[in-house]
Amino acid sequence: MEHYNGRWNNRVTDIVGSRYPVIQGPMRLITLGEAAAAVSNAGGFGVIAASGLSSDELREDIRRARELSAYPIGINIPIYRPNAFDALEIAIEAGIKTVYTSAGNPAKVIDLVRTHGVKIIHKISGIEMAKKAEASGVDGVVAMGYEAGGHVGRDNVTTFCLIPQLVDVLNIPVIASGGIGDARGVVAAFALGAEGVEIGTRFVASHDYPVPAFFKEALCQATGTATILLGKEAMPIRVLKNRTTAAVAAMEAKKADATMVAEGDARYVQEGGDRESAVMPCGQIAGLVSEVTHIRDIVSEIISNSKLIAEDLMSLFKGNGK
């Protein structure tokens, strides 16, 4: 188990208990116990995605993460799913200190969370959603830009535009999500006022993620235009382009939405398929990913280079401030 010296002290690290304000972007059937433990061991905040797991499977993944890491982990719970309260109860019973909710109104679970002294971070994609989440009593929000991978919001606002607007109207901390895959993205997010970052796509291309080799290979070969948005009316999801996703994209909107919801011919990557038939969630940041490595190295490089970039910028501004 790696030990990292130094800590970024701010409101996000205070909420989640991690060394760095780097949050693992939850992905259904992918960010499970082992992947979450790898992120937490690297100094970030690992998140187990409860979506798609039975109660017993969720308990097992929490147990597995705890077996592999002594650092805090979180559970992502989409509120709209019928097992949301069961997953929340399991998280509370397991002693999870921070839950990470999405896809629904956090007011529905806030009383239960607060009764047990658990912190809650809610994912949003628009200003009004963020205001409602803050009013409900959440501790922070993850602001997901349009360029993010996986399920995105319907507002079509990019991270670069969304973050500063949220920071101006919220009193709770904002975590930036979407378009962040290296230290440059982290520094940019903090310059916009974010106090943390969520990383999803970059972590997929790691030895620690339980996804097929063809997914990692496709990601490393992807360009910035290699993704496509499907299900634009019902449940928008950004994925890698392939034969199947191109066919879904060509469908009439309502049929495409129905296909994505039913997952008919478009099979989620962890449920079968190959490079041309599987649905692989992926953000536009894919163009920056070129190799498969370990999460500990990804996080270490991001933290080290973020400091160097910040120092260079400080030197630049000081030098031109006469």
Protein backbone atom coordinates (compact mmCIF):
# COMPACT_ATOMS: atom_id res chain seq x y z
CA MET A 1 0.00 0.00 0.00
CA GLU A 2 1.52 3.29 -1.10
CA HIS A 3 1.88 6.22 1.29
CA TYR A 4 1.90 9.71 -0.16
CA ASN A 5 3.43 12.66 1.63
CA GLY A 6 1.66 16.00 1.61
CA ARG A 7 -2.04 16.79 1.45
CA TRP A 8 -4.15 19.31 -0.38
CA ASN A 9 -6.27 20.81 2.38
CA ASN A 10 -9.56 22.26 1.21
CA ARG A 11 -13.28 21.72 1.63
CA VAL A 12 -13.39 18.73 -0.71
CA THR A 13 -10.65 16.79 1.05
CA ASP A 14 -12.36 17.65 4.34
CA ILE A 15 -15.62 16.13 3.06
CA VAL A 16 -14.25 12.92 1.56
CA GLY A 17 -11.20 12.40 3.75
CA SER A 18 -8.74 11.83 0.91
CA ARG A 19 -5.24 13.21 0.54
CA TYR A 20 -6.02 14.89 -2.77
CA PRO A 21 -9.29 16.34 -4.11
CA VAL A 22 -9.27 13.84 -6.98
CA ILE A 23 -12.52 11.88 -7.21
CA GLN A 24 -13.02 8.68 -9.18
CA GLY A 25 -15.80 9.04 -11.74
CA PRO A 26 -18.24 6.20 -11.02
CA MET A 27 -19.02 3.83 -13.91
CA ARG A 28 -21.59 1.06 -13.77
CA LEU A 29 -20.08 -2.42 -13.37
CA ILE A 30 -16.58 -0.95 -13.75
CA THR A 31 -15.66 1.13 -10.70
CA LEU A 32 -16.06 -1.70 -8.22
CA GLY A 33 -14.13 -2.59 -5.09
CA GLU A 34 -10.68 -3.12 -6.55
CA ALA A 35 -10.72 -0.03 -8.78
CA ALA A 36 -12.03 2.15 -5.94
CA ALA A 37 -9.30 0.85 -3.62
CA ALA A 38 -6.63 1.65 -6.22
CA VAL A 39 -7.79 5.27 -6.45
CA SER A 40 -7.98 5.67 -2.67
CA ASN A 41 -4.53 4.13 -2.22
CA ALA A 42 -3.19 6.63 -4.75
CA GLY A 43 -4.45 9.50 -2.58
CA GLY A 44 -7.74 10.15 -4.36
CA PHE A 45 -11.28 9.24 -3.37
CA GLY A 46 -12.35 5.89 -4.78
CA VAL A 47 -16.04 5.44 -5.58
CA ILE A 48 -17.93 2.16 -5.98
CA ALA A 49 -20.82 2.40 -8.44
CA ALA A 50 -23.86 0.76 -6.83
CA SER A 51 -25.79 0.84 -10.10
CA GLY A 52 -26.19 -2.63 -11.54
CA LEU A 53 -25.17 -4.41 -8.35
CA SER A 54 -27.36 -6.58 -6.13
CA SER A 55 -27.32 -5.93 -2.40
CA ASP A 56 -24.96 -8.85 -1.83
CA GLU A 57 -22.66 -7.73 -4.65
CA LEU A 58 -22.48 -4.22 -3.22
CA ARG A 59 -21.62 -5.56 0.23
CA GLU A 60 -18.93 -7.75 -1.31
CA ASP A 61 -17.38 -4.86 -3.23
CA ILE A 62 -17.29 -2.68 -0.13
CA ARG A 63 -15.64 -5.55 1.73
CA ARG A 64 -13.15 -6.02 -1.11
CA ALA A 65 -12.26 -2.32 -1.19
CA ARG A 66 -11.74 -2.30 2.56
CA GLU A 67 -9.55 -5.37 2.28
CA LEU A 68 -7.32 -3.62 -0.23
CA SER A 69 -7.29 -0.09 1.19
CA ALA A 70 -7.37 1.54 4.60
CA TYR A 71 -8.34 4.88 3.06
CA PRO A 72 -11.87 6.28 2.68
CA ILE A 73 -14.09 5.15 -0.18
CA GLY A 74 -17.50 6.33 -1.34
CA ILE A 75 -20.58 4.79 -2.94
CA ASN A 76 -22.33 6.27 -5.96
CA ILE A 77 -26.12 5.87 -5.81
CA PRO A 78 -28.36 7.01 -8.69
CA ILE A 79 -31.44 8.20 -6.81
CA TYR A 80 -33.91 7.32 -9.55
CA ARG A 81 -33.10 3.60 -9.39
CA PRO A 82 -35.51 1.41 -7.39
CA ASN A 83 -32.73 0.03 -5.19
CA ALA A 84 -31.42 3.46 -4.19
CA PHE A 85 -32.58 3.30 -0.57
CA ASP A 86 -31.36 -0.28 -0.19
CA ALA A 87 -27.93 0.76 -1.45
CA LEU A 88 -27.91 3.73 0.89
CA GLU A 89 -28.78 1.53 3.85
CA ILE A 90 -25.96 -0.84 2.94
CA ALA A 91 -23.52 2.06 2.70
CA ILE A 92 -24.57 3.35 6.10
CA GLU A 93 -24.35 -0.10 7.67
CA ALA A 94 -20.86 -0.51 6.22
CA GLY A 95 -19.71 2.75 7.79
CA ILE A 96 -19.31 4.70 4.54
CA LYS A 97 -18.73 8.34 5.49
CA THR A 98 -19.50 9.99 2.14
CA VAL A 99 -22.10 8.99 -0.46
CA TYR A 100 -22.14 10.27 -3.98
CA THR A 101 -25.59 10.64 -5.47
CA SER A 102 -26.76 11.36 -9.01
CA ALA A 103 -29.75 11.18 -11.35
CA GLY A 104 -32.49 12.39 -9.05
CA ASN A 105 -33.45 14.76 -6.25
CA PRO A 106 -31.08 14.49 -3.25
CA ALA A 107 -33.84 15.88 -1.01
CA LYS A 108 -35.34 12.38 -1.11
CA VAL A 109 -32.41 10.89 0.81
CA ILE A 110 -31.01 13.83 2.76
CA ASP A 111 -32.85 13.06 6.02
CA LEU A 112 -31.62 9.47 6.10
CA VAL A 113 -28.08 10.56 5.30
CA ARG A 114 -28.03 13.29 7.92
CA THR A 115 -29.51 11.05 10.61
CA HIS A 116 -26.43 8.85 10.32
CA GLY A 117 -23.88 11.66 10.04
CA VAL A 118 -22.97 10.82 6.44
CA LYS A 119 -21.72 13.46 4.00
CA ILE A 120 -23.35 13.72 0.58
CA ILE A 121 -22.03 14.98 -2.76
CA HIS A 122 -24.52 15.27 -5.62
CA LYS A 123 -23.77 15.30 -9.35
CA ILE A 124 -25.43 18.00 -11.45
CA SER A 125 -25.10 19.43 -14.97
CA GLY A 126 -26.83 22.79 -14.67
CA ILE A 127 -27.14 25.83 -12.45
CA GLU A 128 -30.76 25.32 -11.36
CA MET A 129 -30.05 21.70 -10.48
CA ALA A 130 -27.09 22.85 -8.41
CA LYS A 131 -29.14 25.46 -6.55
CA LYS A 132 -31.78 22.87 -5.69
CA ALA A 133 -29.12 20.44 -4.50
CA GLU A 134 -27.57 23.08 -2.27
CA ALA A 135 -31.00 24.02 -0.89
CA SER A 136 -31.63 20.36 -0.05
CA GLY A 137 -28.56 20.36 2.17
CA VAL A 138 -25.85 18.51 0.23
CA ASP A 139 -22.22 19.11 1.20
CA GLY A 140 -20.92 19.65 -2.32
CA VAL A 141 -21.71 19.16 -5.99
CA VAL A 142 -19.94 17.54 -8.91
CA ALA A 143 -20.49 19.73 -11.96
CA MET A 144 -20.48 17.59 -15.09
CA GLY A 145 -19.77 19.28 -18.39
CA TYR A 146 -21.16 18.22 -21.76
CA GLU A 147 -17.78 16.78 -22.82
CA ALA A 148 -17.77 14.19 -20.03
CA GLY A 149 -18.02 10.47 -20.69
CA GLY A 150 -20.98 8.29 -19.75
CA HIS A 151 -24.32 9.82 -18.85
CA VAL A 152 -24.30 13.60 -19.19
CA GLY A 153 -26.93 16.26 -18.67
CA ARG A 154 -29.28 17.72 -21.28
CA ASP A 155 -28.12 21.33 -20.93
CA ASN A 156 -25.16 20.96 -23.31
CA VAL A 157 -22.95 23.27 -21.22
CA THR A 158 -19.22 22.59 -21.14
CA THR A 159 -17.16 22.29 -17.97
CA PHE A 160 -15.19 25.45 -18.76
CA CYS A 161 -18.41 27.49 -18.86
CA LEU A 162 -20.32 25.70 -16.11
CA ILE A 163 -17.78 25.78 -13.26
CA PRO A 164 -17.27 29.56 -12.85
CA GLN A 165 -21.02 30.20 -13.07
CA LEU A 166 -21.67 27.68 -10.31
CA VAL A 167 -18.90 29.04 -8.12
CA ASP A 168 -20.47 32.48 -8.37
CA VAL A 169 -23.87 31.34 -7.06
CA LEU A 170 -23.13 28.48 -4.65
CA ASN A 171 -21.72 28.48 -1.14
CA ILE A 172 -20.80 24.78 -1.18
CA PRO A 173 -17.69 23.43 -2.95
CA VAL A 174 -17.79 22.53 -6.63
CA ILE A 175 -16.00 19.52 -8.11
CA ALA A 176 -15.28 19.74 -11.85
CA SER A 177 -16.11 16.78 -14.08
CA GLY A 178 -15.59 16.41 -17.81
CA GLY A 179 -12.55 17.16 -19.96
CA ILE A 180 -10.02 16.50 -17.20
CA GLY A 181 -7.35 13.91 -17.90
CA ASP A 182 -4.06 15.43 -16.80
CA ALA A 183 -2.51 18.16 -14.66
CA ARG A 184 -3.41 20.91 -17.11
CA GLY A 185 -7.09 20.11 -16.68
CA VAL A 186 -6.75 20.07 -12.90
CA VAL A 187 -5.07 23.47 -12.77
CA ALA A 188 -7.62 24.90 -15.19
CA ALA A 189 -10.48 23.59 -13.05
CA PHE A 190 -9.02 25.16 -9.92
CA ALA A 191 -8.45 28.43 -11.77
CA LEU A 192 -12.17 28.43 -12.59
CA GLY A 193 -13.00 28.08 -8.91
CA ALA A 194 -13.44 24.32 -8.50
CA GLU A 195 -12.12 22.73 -5.31
CA GLY A 196 -11.83 19.23 -6.69
CA VAL A 197 -11.88 17.22 -9.90
CA GLU A 198 -13.59 14.04 -11.01
CA ILE A 199 -11.64 11.78 -13.36
CA GLY A 200 -13.27 8.95 -15.27
CA THR A 201 -12.01 8.29 -18.80
CA ARG A 202 -8.30 8.60 -17.95
CA PHE A 203 -8.58 5.97 -15.23
CA VAL A 204 -10.18 3.47 -17.60
CA ALA A 205 -6.84 3.13 -19.40
CA SER A 206 -5.18 1.61 -16.36
CA HIS A 207 -4.15 -1.86 -15.30
CA ASP A 208 -6.46 -1.47 -12.29
CA TYR A 209 -9.73 -1.24 -14.21
CA PRO A 210 -11.68 -4.46 -14.94
CA VAL A 211 -12.64 -3.63 -18.52
CA PRO A 212 -11.85 -5.67 -21.66
CA ALA A 213 -8.49 -5.10 -23.33
CA PHE A 214 -10.24 -3.93 -26.51
CA PHE A 215 -11.79 -1.03 -24.54
CA LYS A 216 -8.41 0.15 -23.26
CA GLU A 217 -6.87 -0.28 -26.71
CA ALA A 218 -9.66 1.69 -28.37
CA LEU A 219 -9.32 4.44 -25.77
CA CYS A 220 -5.56 4.76 -26.30
CA GLN A 221 -6.08 5.01 -30.06
CA ALA A 222 -8.94 7.50 -29.80
CA THR A 223 -8.81 11.11 -30.92
CA GLY A 224 -10.74 14.06 -29.55
CA THR A 225 -13.50 13.37 -32.08
CA ALA A 226 -13.78 9.64 -31.31
CA THR A 227 -16.87 9.95 -29.11
CA ILE A 228 -20.56 10.27 -29.90
CA LEU A 229 -23.61 11.26 -27.86
CA LEU A 230 -26.46 8.75 -27.80
CA GLY A 231 -29.95 8.87 -26.30
CA LYS A 232 -30.10 12.64 -26.51
CA GLU A 233 -33.69 13.03 -25.27
CA ALA A 234 -34.03 10.42 -22.52
CA MET A 235 -30.66 9.47 -21.02
CA PRO A 236 -27.81 11.14 -22.94
CA ILE A 237 -24.61 9.09 -22.83
CA ARG A 238 -21.24 9.87 -24.42
CA VAL A 239 -19.47 6.79 -25.75
CA LEU A 240 -16.76 5.76 -28.17
CA LYS A 241 -17.78 5.54 -31.81
CA ASN A 242 -18.01 2.07 -33.34
CA ARG A 243 -20.29 0.22 -35.71
CA THR A 244 -23.08 -0.27 -33.16
CA THR A 245 -23.06 3.21 -31.63
CA ALA A 246 -22.97 4.78 -35.11
CA ALA A 247 -26.06 2.75 -36.01
CA VAL A 248 -27.88 3.88 -32.87
CA ALA A 249 -26.89 7.50 -33.54
CA ALA A 250 -28.43 7.25 -37.02
CA MET A 251 -31.80 6.21 -35.62
CA GLU A 252 -34.70 8.58 -35.15
CA ALA A 253 -34.34 10.18 -31.70
CA LYS A 254 -37.11 8.33 -29.87
CA LYS A 255 -36.04 4.96 -31.23
CA ALA A 256 -32.43 5.67 -30.26
CA ASP A 257 -33.50 6.58 -26.72
CA ALA A 258 -35.56 3.40 -26.44
CA THR A 259 -32.62 1.34 -27.68
CA MET A 260 -30.27 2.84 -25.11
CA VAL A 261 -32.71 2.41 -22.24
CA ALA A 262 -33.46 -1.20 -23.19
CA GLU A 263 -29.81 -1.82 -24.12
CA GLY A 264 -31.15 -4.08 -26.89
CA ASP A 265 -28.53 -4.36 -29.64
CA ALA A 266 -26.32 -1.79 -27.94
CA ARG A 267 -24.73 -3.88 -25.19
CA TYR A 268 -22.93 -2.17 -22.33
CA VAL A 269 -19.24 -3.08 -22.42
CA GLN A 270 -19.29 -5.09 -19.17
CA GLU A 271 -22.18 -7.19 -20.41
CA GLY A 272 -20.61 -8.53 -23.59
CA GLY A 273 -19.70 -7.54 -27.11
CA ASP A 274 -16.45 -6.56 -28.79
CA ARG A 275 -14.78 -3.39 -30.03
CA GLU A 276 -17.38 -2.86 -32.76
CA SER A 277 -20.50 -3.87 -30.81
CA ALA A 278 -19.98 -2.81 -27.19
CA VAL A 279 -21.11 0.51 -25.74
CA MET A 280 -17.99 2.03 -24.16
CA PRO A 281 -18.54 5.17 -22.04
CA CYS A 282 -15.85 7.70 -22.83
CA GLY A 283 -15.31 11.45 -22.65
CA GLN A 284 -13.83 13.80 -25.24
CA ILE A 285 -10.63 13.86 -23.18
CA ALA A 286 -9.84 10.49 -24.81
CA GLY A 287 -7.60 12.30 -27.26
CA LEU A 288 -5.08 12.81 -24.43
CA VAL A 289 -4.89 9.13 -23.47
CA SER A 290 -2.06 7.22 -25.13
CA GLU A 291 -0.99 4.44 -22.79
CA VAL A 292 -2.24 2.00 -20.17
CA THR A 293 -0.55 2.47 -16.83
CA HIS A 294 -1.32 2.20 -13.11
CA ILE A 295 -3.69 4.52 -11.26
CA ARG A 296 -1.02 5.29 -8.69
CA ASP A 297 1.19 6.62 -11.49
CA ILE A 298 -1.65 8.60 -13.08
CA VAL A 299 -2.51 10.34 -9.81
CA SER A 300 1.14 10.90 -8.86
CA GLU A 301 1.87 12.50 -12.23
CA ILE A 302 -1.23 14.69 -12.05
CA ILE A 303 -0.39 15.96 -8.56
CA SER A 304 3.30 16.57 -9.29
CA ASN A 305 2.68 18.30 -12.61
CA SER A 306 -0.17 20.38 -11.20
CA LYS A 307 2.24 21.87 -8.69
CA LEU A 308 4.81 22.58 -11.42
CA ILE A 309 2.23 24.23 -13.68
CA ALA A 310 0.91 26.36 -10.82
CA GLU A 311 4.44 27.46 -9.94
CA ASP A 312 5.18 28.35 -13.58
CA LEU A 313 1.99 30.38 -13.80
CA MET A 314 2.77 32.19 -10.57
CA SER A 315 6.22 33.03 -11.87
CA LEU A 316 4.73 34.25 -15.15
CA PHE A 317 2.20 36.52 -13.50
CA LYS A 318 4.71 37.89 -11.03
CA GLY A 319 7.11 38.62 -13.83
CA ASN A 320 4.49 40.56 -15.78
CA GLY A 321 2.93 42.34 -12.87
CA LYS A 322 5.25 45.33 -12.80
